[in-house]
Amino acid sequence: MRKRILSLAALSLILSSTLSCEDEKKQPESIETEPIAFKKEAELYLIKANSGDTIKKLDIELAESDYEHQTGLMYRDSMKDDQGMLFIYDSERIRSFYMKNTYIPLDIIYYEADSTLVSIQKNATPRDETSLPSEGPTQFILEINGGLSDEWGLEKDDRFSFIKTE
């Protein structure tokens, strides 16, 4: 009986060491994800406050659900200068964004419910988790490539309008 127990214990030890050696030899599988592709959902027009002239027309994606609000432009490697993302909320309030898992510098433009520009956080640093708040209550936030708000001359009180294309 004692020999049988010792034999079973030895066999168990050999099997467990063999299995652990096999596990060590296995290479961890890399998970590859598809790049996130831009999906045009609307056209947005930036409008100069004093003249009503169109500053720029953009193709935009819309962020309307909680999930879209939370992910935004995260995990994107690039975006064309005539593209952006418009975040749409149900109500107006002070809002704050950050750049966690966002790989490209962005200008974050905050707008009131009537589409009047409230404030701009310019050239937000990629992957920075610092809070970037609006300077007043906002209902819409437009994200574009960093530096474009200066290049296009966007200012407080400028407006936007958009038309869904889908």
N, C-alpha and C. Protein backbone atom coordinates (compact mmCIF):
# COMPACT_ATOMS: atom_id res chain seq x y z
N MET A 1 0.82 -1.19 0.00
CA MET A 1 0.00 0.00 0.00
C MET A 1 0.87 1.26 0.00
N ARG A 2 1.93 1.19 0.86
CA ARG A 2 2.83 2.34 0.96
C ARG A 2 3.55 2.58 -0.37
N LYS A 3 3.95 1.52 -1.08
CA LYS A 3 4.61 1.65 -2.38
C LYS A 3 3.67 2.29 -3.40
N ARG A 4 2.38 1.92 -3.32
CA ARG A 4 1.39 2.46 -4.26
C ARG A 4 1.23 3.97 -4.05
N ILE A 5 1.18 4.40 -2.81
CA ILE A 5 1.04 5.83 -2.49
C ILE A 5 2.26 6.61 -2.97
N LEU A 6 3.46 6.05 -2.71
CA LEU A 6 4.69 6.71 -3.14
C LEU A 6 4.76 6.77 -4.68
N SER A 7 4.31 5.69 -5.35
CA SER A 7 4.31 5.67 -6.81
C SER A 7 3.36 6.72 -7.37
N LEU A 8 2.17 6.83 -6.78
CA LEU A 8 1.20 7.83 -7.23
C LEU A 8 1.73 9.25 -6.99
N ALA A 9 2.37 9.46 -5.85
CA ALA A 9 2.93 10.78 -5.55
C ALA A 9 4.03 11.14 -6.54
N ALA A 10 4.90 10.18 -6.86
CA ALA A 10 5.98 10.42 -7.81
C ALA A 10 5.43 10.71 -9.20
N LEU A 11 4.42 9.93 -9.62
CA LEU A 11 3.79 10.14 -10.92
C LEU A 11 3.15 11.52 -11.00
N SER A 12 2.48 11.90 -9.92
CA SER A 12 1.84 13.21 -9.85
C SER A 12 2.87 14.33 -9.97
N LEU A 13 3.99 14.19 -9.29
CA LEU A 13 5.06 15.18 -9.34
C LEU A 13 5.64 15.30 -10.75
N ILE A 14 5.86 14.17 -11.41
CA ILE A 14 6.41 14.16 -12.77
C ILE A 14 5.45 14.84 -13.73
N LEU A 15 4.16 14.51 -13.65
CA LEU A 15 3.16 15.11 -14.54
C LEU A 15 3.05 16.61 -14.34
N SER A 16 3.04 17.05 -13.08
CA SER A 16 2.89 18.49 -12.84
C SER A 16 4.11 19.26 -13.32
N SER A 17 5.32 18.71 -13.16
CA SER A 17 6.51 19.41 -13.65
C SER A 17 6.55 19.41 -15.17
N THR A 18 6.08 18.35 -15.81
CA THR A 18 6.04 18.30 -17.27
C THR A 18 5.05 19.33 -17.80
N LEU A 19 3.88 19.43 -17.18
CA LEU A 19 2.88 20.40 -17.62
C LEU A 19 3.37 21.83 -17.43
N SER A 20 4.04 22.09 -16.30
CA SER A 20 4.51 23.45 -16.08
C SER A 20 5.62 23.81 -17.06
N CYS A 21 6.45 22.85 -17.45
CA CYS A 21 7.50 23.12 -18.45
C CYS A 21 6.87 23.42 -19.80
N GLU A 22 5.79 22.69 -20.14
CA GLU A 22 5.11 22.96 -21.41
C GLU A 22 4.49 24.36 -21.40
N ASP A 23 3.91 24.76 -20.25
CA ASP A 23 3.33 26.08 -20.15
C ASP A 23 4.38 27.17 -20.33
N GLU A 24 5.59 26.92 -19.79
CA GLU A 24 6.66 27.91 -19.91
C GLU A 24 7.14 28.06 -21.35
N LYS A 25 7.06 26.97 -22.13
CA LYS A 25 7.51 27.00 -23.50
C LYS A 25 6.54 27.76 -24.40
N LYS A 26 5.27 27.83 -24.01
CA LYS A 26 4.28 28.51 -24.83
C LYS A 26 4.55 30.01 -24.84
N GLN A 27 4.52 30.59 -26.02
CA GLN A 27 4.69 32.04 -26.15
C GLN A 27 3.34 32.70 -25.95
N PRO A 28 3.31 33.82 -25.24
CA PRO A 28 2.03 34.52 -25.09
C PRO A 28 1.50 34.97 -26.45
N GLU A 29 0.21 34.79 -26.64
CA GLU A 29 -0.40 35.19 -27.90
C GLU A 29 -0.58 36.70 -27.90
N SER A 30 -0.19 37.33 -28.99
CA SER A 30 -0.42 38.78 -29.10
C SER A 30 -1.82 39.00 -29.68
N ILE A 31 -2.47 39.99 -29.14
CA ILE A 31 -3.81 40.33 -29.61
C ILE A 31 -3.67 41.53 -30.52
N GLU A 32 -4.05 41.36 -31.77
CA GLU A 32 -3.99 42.46 -32.71
C GLU A 32 -5.40 42.97 -32.97
N THR A 33 -5.55 44.27 -32.91
CA THR A 33 -6.85 44.86 -33.17
C THR A 33 -6.80 45.64 -34.47
N GLU A 34 -7.93 45.75 -35.10
CA GLU A 34 -8.04 46.53 -36.33
C GLU A 34 -7.95 48.01 -35.98
N PRO A 35 -7.29 48.81 -36.81
CA PRO A 35 -7.30 50.26 -36.57
C PRO A 35 -8.73 50.79 -36.65
N ILE A 36 -9.02 51.78 -35.85
CA ILE A 36 -10.36 52.36 -35.86
C ILE A 36 -10.47 53.30 -37.05
N ALA A 37 -11.42 53.02 -37.90
CA ALA A 37 -11.59 53.81 -39.12
C ALA A 37 -12.59 54.94 -38.87
N PHE A 38 -12.32 56.08 -39.48
CA PHE A 38 -13.23 57.22 -39.41
C PHE A 38 -14.53 56.87 -40.13
N LYS A 39 -15.65 57.24 -39.52
CA LYS A 39 -16.95 56.99 -40.13
C LYS A 39 -17.72 58.32 -40.17
N LYS A 40 -17.86 58.88 -41.36
CA LYS A 40 -18.57 60.15 -41.51
C LYS A 40 -20.05 59.96 -41.19
N GLU A 41 -20.53 60.74 -40.20
CA GLU A 41 -21.93 60.68 -39.81
C GLU A 41 -22.65 62.02 -40.01
N ALA A 42 -21.86 63.07 -40.20
CA ALA A 42 -22.46 64.40 -40.36
C ALA A 42 -21.43 65.34 -40.99
N GLU A 43 -21.94 66.49 -41.43
CA GLU A 43 -21.10 67.58 -41.90
C GLU A 43 -21.31 68.75 -40.94
N LEU A 44 -20.21 69.36 -40.52
CA LEU A 44 -20.27 70.46 -39.56
C LEU A 44 -19.66 71.70 -40.19
N TYR A 45 -20.31 72.84 -39.98
CA TYR A 45 -19.84 74.12 -40.52
C TYR A 45 -19.48 75.02 -39.35
N LEU A 46 -18.23 75.48 -39.33
CA LEU A 46 -17.78 76.46 -38.35
C LEU A 46 -18.11 77.84 -38.91
N ILE A 47 -18.76 78.67 -38.10
CA ILE A 47 -19.31 79.94 -38.58
C ILE A 47 -18.75 81.11 -37.76
N LYS A 48 -18.27 82.14 -38.43
CA LYS A 48 -17.72 83.33 -37.78
C LYS A 48 -18.87 84.13 -37.15
N ALA A 49 -18.71 84.53 -35.90
CA ALA A 49 -19.77 85.21 -35.16
C ALA A 49 -20.14 86.55 -35.78
N ASN A 50 -19.15 87.37 -36.11
CA ASN A 50 -19.45 88.74 -36.55
C ASN A 50 -19.96 88.83 -37.99
N SER A 51 -19.59 87.87 -38.85
CA SER A 51 -19.98 87.98 -40.26
C SER A 51 -20.97 86.91 -40.71
N GLY A 52 -21.02 85.80 -39.98
CA GLY A 52 -21.86 84.69 -40.41
C GLY A 52 -21.24 83.86 -41.52
N ASP A 53 -20.00 84.19 -41.89
CA ASP A 53 -19.30 83.45 -42.94
C ASP A 53 -18.86 82.07 -42.43
N THR A 54 -18.82 81.11 -43.34
CA THR A 54 -18.32 79.78 -43.01
C THR A 54 -16.80 79.82 -42.95
N ILE A 55 -16.27 79.39 -41.82
CA ILE A 55 -14.82 79.33 -41.63
C ILE A 55 -14.28 78.05 -42.26
N LYS A 56 -14.97 76.95 -41.98
CA LYS A 56 -14.50 75.63 -42.43
C LYS A 56 -15.65 74.64 -42.39
N LYS A 57 -15.63 73.69 -43.33
CA LYS A 57 -16.58 72.57 -43.34
C LYS A 57 -15.80 71.31 -42.94
N LEU A 58 -16.36 70.55 -42.01
CA LEU A 58 -15.72 69.32 -41.55
C LEU A 58 -16.64 68.13 -41.73
N ASP A 59 -16.05 66.98 -42.01
CA ASP A 59 -16.76 65.71 -41.91
C ASP A 59 -16.57 65.25 -40.47
N ILE A 60 -17.65 64.85 -39.83
CA ILE A 60 -17.53 64.50 -38.41
C ILE A 60 -18.20 63.17 -38.08
N GLU A 61 -17.67 62.58 -37.02
CA GLU A 61 -18.31 61.47 -36.35
C GLU A 61 -19.08 62.06 -35.18
N LEU A 62 -20.13 61.39 -34.77
CA LEU A 62 -20.92 61.86 -33.64
C LEU A 62 -20.72 60.94 -32.44
N ALA A 63 -20.57 61.53 -31.28
CA ALA A 63 -20.50 60.79 -30.02
C ALA A 63 -21.77 61.15 -29.24
N GLU A 64 -22.74 60.23 -29.25
CA GLU A 64 -24.03 60.52 -28.63
C GLU A 64 -24.35 59.61 -27.44
N SER A 65 -23.83 58.40 -27.43
CA SER A 65 -24.12 57.45 -26.33
C SER A 65 -23.07 57.60 -25.24
N ASP A 66 -23.35 57.04 -24.07
CA ASP A 66 -22.38 57.07 -22.98
C ASP A 66 -21.06 56.42 -23.40
N TYR A 67 -21.14 55.29 -24.08
CA TYR A 67 -19.92 54.60 -24.53
C TYR A 67 -19.12 55.49 -25.48
N GLU A 68 -19.79 56.13 -26.43
CA GLU A 68 -19.10 57.01 -27.38
C GLU A 68 -18.52 58.22 -26.66
N HIS A 69 -19.21 58.75 -25.66
CA HIS A 69 -18.69 59.87 -24.87
C HIS A 69 -17.41 59.45 -24.16
N GLN A 70 -17.38 58.23 -23.63
CA GLN A 70 -16.23 57.77 -22.85
C GLN A 70 -15.03 57.43 -23.72
N THR A 71 -15.25 56.93 -24.94
CA THR A 71 -14.12 56.52 -25.78
C THR A 71 -13.67 57.60 -26.75
N GLY A 72 -14.58 58.38 -27.27
CA GLY A 72 -14.21 59.48 -28.16
C GLY A 72 -13.21 59.09 -29.23
N LEU A 73 -12.10 59.80 -29.30
CA LEU A 73 -11.07 59.54 -30.31
C LEU A 73 -9.91 58.71 -29.76
N MET A 74 -10.15 57.99 -28.68
CA MET A 74 -9.11 57.12 -28.12
C MET A 74 -8.67 56.08 -29.14
N TYR A 75 -7.42 55.69 -29.03
CA TYR A 75 -6.83 54.61 -29.81
C TYR A 75 -6.69 54.91 -31.30
N ARG A 76 -6.82 56.16 -31.70
CA ARG A 76 -6.65 56.53 -33.11
C ARG A 76 -5.22 57.02 -33.32
N ASP A 77 -4.65 56.63 -34.44
CA ASP A 77 -3.28 57.03 -34.74
C ASP A 77 -3.21 58.36 -35.49
N SER A 78 -4.32 58.72 -36.15
CA SER A 78 -4.32 59.96 -36.92
C SER A 78 -5.75 60.35 -37.26
N MET A 79 -5.89 61.59 -37.72
CA MET A 79 -7.17 62.09 -38.19
C MET A 79 -6.85 63.18 -39.22
N LYS A 80 -7.60 63.23 -40.30
CA LYS A 80 -7.38 64.25 -41.32
C LYS A 80 -7.81 65.61 -40.78
N ASP A 81 -7.25 66.68 -41.34
CA ASP A 81 -7.54 68.04 -40.88
C ASP A 81 -8.96 68.48 -41.19
N ASP A 82 -9.64 67.79 -42.09
CA ASP A 82 -11.04 68.17 -42.37
C ASP A 82 -12.02 67.20 -41.69
N GLN A 83 -11.55 66.56 -40.62
CA GLN A 83 -12.39 65.64 -39.85
C GLN A 83 -12.39 66.04 -38.39
N GLY A 84 -13.39 65.55 -37.66
CA GLY A 84 -13.48 65.80 -36.23
C GLY A 84 -14.54 64.91 -35.61
N MET A 85 -14.73 65.08 -34.32
CA MET A 85 -15.77 64.36 -33.60
C MET A 85 -16.56 65.37 -32.78
N LEU A 86 -17.89 65.29 -32.90
CA LEU A 86 -18.78 66.16 -32.15
C LEU A 86 -19.47 65.34 -31.06
N PHE A 87 -19.27 65.74 -29.81
CA PHE A 87 -19.91 65.11 -28.67
C PHE A 87 -21.21 65.87 -28.39
N ILE A 88 -22.30 65.13 -28.33
CA ILE A 88 -23.61 65.72 -28.12
C ILE A 88 -24.17 65.22 -26.80
N TYR A 89 -24.54 66.15 -25.92
CA TYR A 89 -25.10 65.81 -24.61
C TYR A 89 -26.54 66.30 -24.52
N ASP A 90 -27.29 65.74 -23.59
CA ASP A 90 -28.71 66.08 -23.42
C ASP A 90 -28.92 67.43 -22.75
N SER A 91 -27.91 67.88 -22.00
CA SER A 91 -28.09 69.13 -21.25
C SER A 91 -26.78 69.90 -21.20
N GLU A 92 -26.91 71.14 -20.76
CA GLU A 92 -25.77 72.04 -20.65
C GLU A 92 -25.22 72.00 -19.23
N ARG A 93 -23.89 71.89 -19.11
CA ARG A 93 -23.22 71.99 -17.81
C ARG A 93 -21.72 72.15 -18.05
N ILE A 94 -20.99 72.47 -17.00
CA ILE A 94 -19.53 72.51 -17.10
C ILE A 94 -19.06 71.09 -17.44
N ARG A 95 -18.22 70.97 -18.43
CA ARG A 95 -17.72 69.65 -18.83
C ARG A 95 -16.20 69.67 -18.81
N SER A 96 -15.64 68.48 -18.64
CA SER A 96 -14.20 68.35 -18.60
C SER A 96 -13.78 67.09 -19.34
N PHE A 97 -12.79 67.22 -20.20
CA PHE A 97 -12.26 66.09 -20.95
C PHE A 97 -10.82 65.83 -20.51
N TYR A 98 -10.29 64.68 -20.88
CA TYR A 98 -8.88 64.35 -20.68
C TYR A 98 -8.43 63.49 -21.84
N MET A 99 -7.14 63.23 -21.93
CA MET A 99 -6.56 62.60 -23.13
C MET A 99 -6.09 61.15 -22.91
N LYS A 100 -6.61 60.48 -21.90
CA LYS A 100 -6.21 59.10 -21.65
C LYS A 100 -6.44 58.27 -22.91
N ASN A 101 -5.43 57.50 -23.29
CA ASN A 101 -5.48 56.61 -24.46
C ASN A 101 -5.79 57.35 -25.77
N THR A 102 -5.54 58.64 -25.81
CA THR A 102 -5.70 59.41 -27.05
C THR A 102 -4.29 59.70 -27.56
N TYR A 103 -4.00 59.27 -28.77
CA TYR A 103 -2.63 59.26 -29.28
C TYR A 103 -2.27 60.49 -30.11
N ILE A 104 -3.24 61.34 -30.40
CA ILE A 104 -2.96 62.51 -31.24
C ILE A 104 -3.32 63.78 -30.47
N PRO A 105 -2.55 64.88 -30.63
CA PRO A 105 -2.91 66.13 -29.96
C PRO A 105 -4.21 66.68 -30.54
N LEU A 106 -5.04 67.22 -29.67
CA LEU A 106 -6.35 67.71 -30.08
C LEU A 106 -6.61 69.12 -29.57
N ASP A 107 -7.42 69.86 -30.31
CA ASP A 107 -8.06 71.07 -29.80
C ASP A 107 -9.46 70.63 -29.38
N ILE A 108 -9.83 70.94 -28.15
CA ILE A 108 -11.14 70.56 -27.61
C ILE A 108 -11.94 71.85 -27.50
N ILE A 109 -13.01 71.95 -28.28
CA ILE A 109 -13.77 73.19 -28.39
C ILE A 109 -15.14 72.99 -27.75
N TYR A 110 -15.42 73.81 -26.75
CA TYR A 110 -16.66 73.70 -25.96
C TYR A 110 -17.70 74.71 -26.45
N TYR A 111 -18.93 74.23 -26.66
CA TYR A 111 -20.02 75.07 -27.16
C TYR A 111 -21.25 74.99 -26.25
N GLU A 112 -21.95 76.13 -26.14
CA GLU A 112 -23.22 76.18 -25.41
C GLU A 112 -24.31 75.44 -26.18
N ALA A 113 -25.49 75.34 -25.58
CA ALA A 113 -26.63 74.66 -26.21
C ALA A 113 -27.03 75.33 -27.52
N ASP A 114 -26.82 76.64 -27.64
CA ASP A 114 -27.19 77.35 -28.87
C ASP A 114 -26.06 77.36 -29.90
N SER A 115 -25.01 76.57 -29.67
CA SER A 115 -23.84 76.39 -30.54
C SER A 115 -22.84 77.55 -30.49
N THR A 116 -22.91 78.38 -29.46
CA THR A 116 -21.94 79.47 -29.30
C THR A 116 -20.68 78.93 -28.62
N LEU A 117 -19.52 79.26 -29.19
CA LEU A 117 -18.24 78.81 -28.65
C LEU A 117 -17.99 79.44 -27.28
N VAL A 118 -17.74 78.59 -26.29
CA VAL A 118 -17.49 79.02 -24.91
C VAL A 118 -16.00 79.14 -24.64
N SER A 119 -15.25 78.07 -24.97
CA SER A 119 -13.81 78.06 -24.71
C SER A 119 -13.14 76.95 -25.51
N ILE A 120 -11.81 77.03 -25.59
CA ILE A 120 -11.02 76.05 -26.33
C ILE A 120 -9.86 75.59 -25.44
N GLN A 121 -9.67 74.29 -25.36
CA GLN A 121 -8.45 73.72 -24.78
C GLN A 121 -7.57 73.36 -25.97
N LYS A 122 -6.49 74.11 -26.15
CA LYS A 122 -5.67 73.97 -27.35
C LYS A 122 -4.53 72.99 -27.16
N ASN A 123 -4.27 72.22 -28.23
CA ASN A 123 -3.15 71.27 -28.27
C ASN A 123 -3.06 70.39 -27.03
N ALA A 124 -4.16 69.75 -26.69
CA ALA A 124 -4.17 68.83 -25.54
C ALA A 124 -3.14 67.74 -25.77
N THR A 125 -2.35 67.46 -24.75
CA THR A 125 -1.24 66.53 -24.84
C THR A 125 -1.73 65.08 -24.88
N PRO A 126 -1.29 64.31 -25.88
CA PRO A 126 -1.68 62.90 -25.95
C PRO A 126 -1.35 62.14 -24.66
N ARG A 127 -2.27 61.27 -24.27
CA ARG A 127 -2.15 60.35 -23.13
C ARG A 127 -2.07 61.06 -21.78
N ASP A 128 -2.31 62.32 -21.73
CA ASP A 128 -2.28 63.07 -20.46
C ASP A 128 -3.65 62.98 -19.79
N GLU A 129 -3.68 62.66 -18.51
CA GLU A 129 -4.94 62.51 -17.80
C GLU A 129 -5.34 63.76 -17.02
N THR A 130 -4.68 64.88 -17.30
CA THR A 130 -5.04 66.14 -16.66
C THR A 130 -6.43 66.57 -17.13
N SER A 131 -7.24 67.04 -16.21
CA SER A 131 -8.59 67.50 -16.53
C SER A 131 -8.52 68.79 -17.35
N LEU A 132 -9.31 68.84 -18.43
CA LEU A 132 -9.35 69.99 -19.33
C LEU A 132 -10.78 70.53 -19.37
N PRO A 133 -11.15 71.39 -18.42
CA PRO A 133 -12.55 71.82 -18.29
C PRO A 133 -12.93 72.95 -19.24
N SER A 134 -14.24 73.06 -19.44
CA SER A 134 -14.79 74.20 -20.18
C SER A 134 -14.82 75.40 -19.24
N GLU A 135 -14.89 76.60 -19.82
CA GLU A 135 -14.94 77.82 -19.02
C GLU A 135 -16.37 78.23 -18.69
N GLY A 136 -17.33 77.46 -19.13
CA GLY A 136 -18.73 77.73 -18.85
C GLY A 136 -19.56 76.51 -19.22
N PRO A 137 -20.87 76.59 -18.99
CA PRO A 137 -21.74 75.46 -19.33
C PRO A 137 -21.70 75.15 -20.83
N THR A 138 -21.61 73.86 -21.15
CA THR A 138 -21.56 73.42 -22.55
C THR A 138 -22.46 72.22 -22.77
N GLN A 139 -22.93 72.09 -24.00
CA GLN A 139 -23.74 70.93 -24.39
C GLN A 139 -23.09 70.17 -25.55
N PHE A 140 -22.20 70.86 -26.27
CA PHE A 140 -21.52 70.25 -27.42
C PHE A 140 -20.02 70.45 -27.28
N ILE A 141 -19.25 69.43 -27.66
CA ILE A 141 -17.80 69.54 -27.67
C ILE A 141 -17.31 69.01 -29.00
N LEU A 142 -16.48 69.80 -29.67
CA LEU A 142 -15.89 69.40 -30.94
C LEU A 142 -14.40 69.14 -30.72
N GLU A 143 -13.94 67.97 -31.17
CA GLU A 143 -12.52 67.65 -31.13
C GLU A 143 -11.98 67.66 -32.55
N ILE A 144 -10.90 68.42 -32.74
CA ILE A 144 -10.21 68.50 -34.04
C ILE A 144 -8.71 68.35 -33.77
N ASN A 145 -7.93 68.19 -34.81
CA ASN A 145 -6.49 68.09 -34.65
C ASN A 145 -5.93 69.33 -33.95
N GLY A 146 -4.95 69.09 -33.09
CA GLY A 146 -4.32 70.16 -32.33
C GLY A 146 -3.74 71.23 -33.23
N GLY A 147 -3.97 72.49 -32.89
CA GLY A 147 -3.44 73.63 -33.63
C GLY A 147 -4.37 74.21 -34.67
N LEU A 148 -5.41 73.46 -35.05
CA LEU A 148 -6.28 73.94 -36.13
C LEU A 148 -7.17 75.10 -35.69
N SER A 149 -7.55 75.15 -34.41
CA SER A 149 -8.41 76.27 -33.97
C SER A 149 -7.68 77.60 -34.14
N ASP A 150 -6.38 77.63 -33.89
CA ASP A 150 -5.59 78.85 -34.14
C ASP A 150 -5.44 79.11 -35.64
N GLU A 151 -5.14 78.05 -36.39
CA GLU A 151 -4.95 78.19 -37.84
C GLU A 151 -6.22 78.74 -38.50
N TRP A 152 -7.37 78.31 -38.03
CA TRP A 152 -8.64 78.75 -38.62
C TRP A 152 -9.18 80.03 -37.98
N GLY A 153 -8.52 80.52 -36.93
CA GLY A 153 -8.94 81.76 -36.28
C GLY A 153 -10.23 81.63 -35.48
N LEU A 154 -10.48 80.47 -34.88
CA LEU A 154 -11.68 80.30 -34.06
C LEU A 154 -11.60 81.15 -32.81
N GLU A 155 -12.73 81.79 -32.46
CA GLU A 155 -12.78 82.69 -31.30
C GLU A 155 -14.07 82.48 -30.53
N LYS A 156 -14.04 82.95 -29.29
CA LYS A 156 -15.23 82.92 -28.45
C LYS A 156 -16.40 83.57 -29.21
N ASP A 157 -17.56 83.02 -29.08
CA ASP A 157 -18.82 83.46 -29.72
C ASP A 157 -18.98 82.99 -31.16
N ASP A 158 -17.92 82.42 -31.79
CA ASP A 158 -18.15 81.78 -33.09
C ASP A 158 -19.14 80.64 -32.87
N ARG A 159 -19.73 80.16 -33.94
CA ARG A 159 -20.78 79.13 -33.83
C ARG A 159 -20.49 77.96 -34.76
N PHE A 160 -21.36 76.98 -34.67
CA PHE A 160 -21.32 75.86 -35.61
C PHE A 160 -22.74 75.45 -35.94
N SER A 161 -22.88 74.74 -37.06
CA SER A 161 -24.11 74.05 -37.38
C SER A 161 -23.72 72.72 -38.01
N PHE A 162 -24.58 71.72 -37.89
CA PHE A 162 -24.24 70.44 -38.51
C PHE A 162 -25.49 69.79 -39.08
N ILE A 163 -25.25 68.92 -40.06
CA ILE A 163 -26.31 68.18 -40.73
C ILE A 163 -25.89 66.71 -40.73
N LYS A 164 -26.76 65.84 -40.20
CA LYS A 164 -26.47 64.41 -40.24
C LYS A 164 -26.55 63.92 -41.68
N THR A 165 -25.61 63.06 -42.05
CA THR A 165 -25.58 62.54 -43.41
C THR A 165 -26.12 61.11 -43.49
N GLU A 166 -26.35 60.50 -42.38
CA GLU A 166 -26.89 59.12 -42.37
C GLU A 166 -28.36 59.11 -42.08
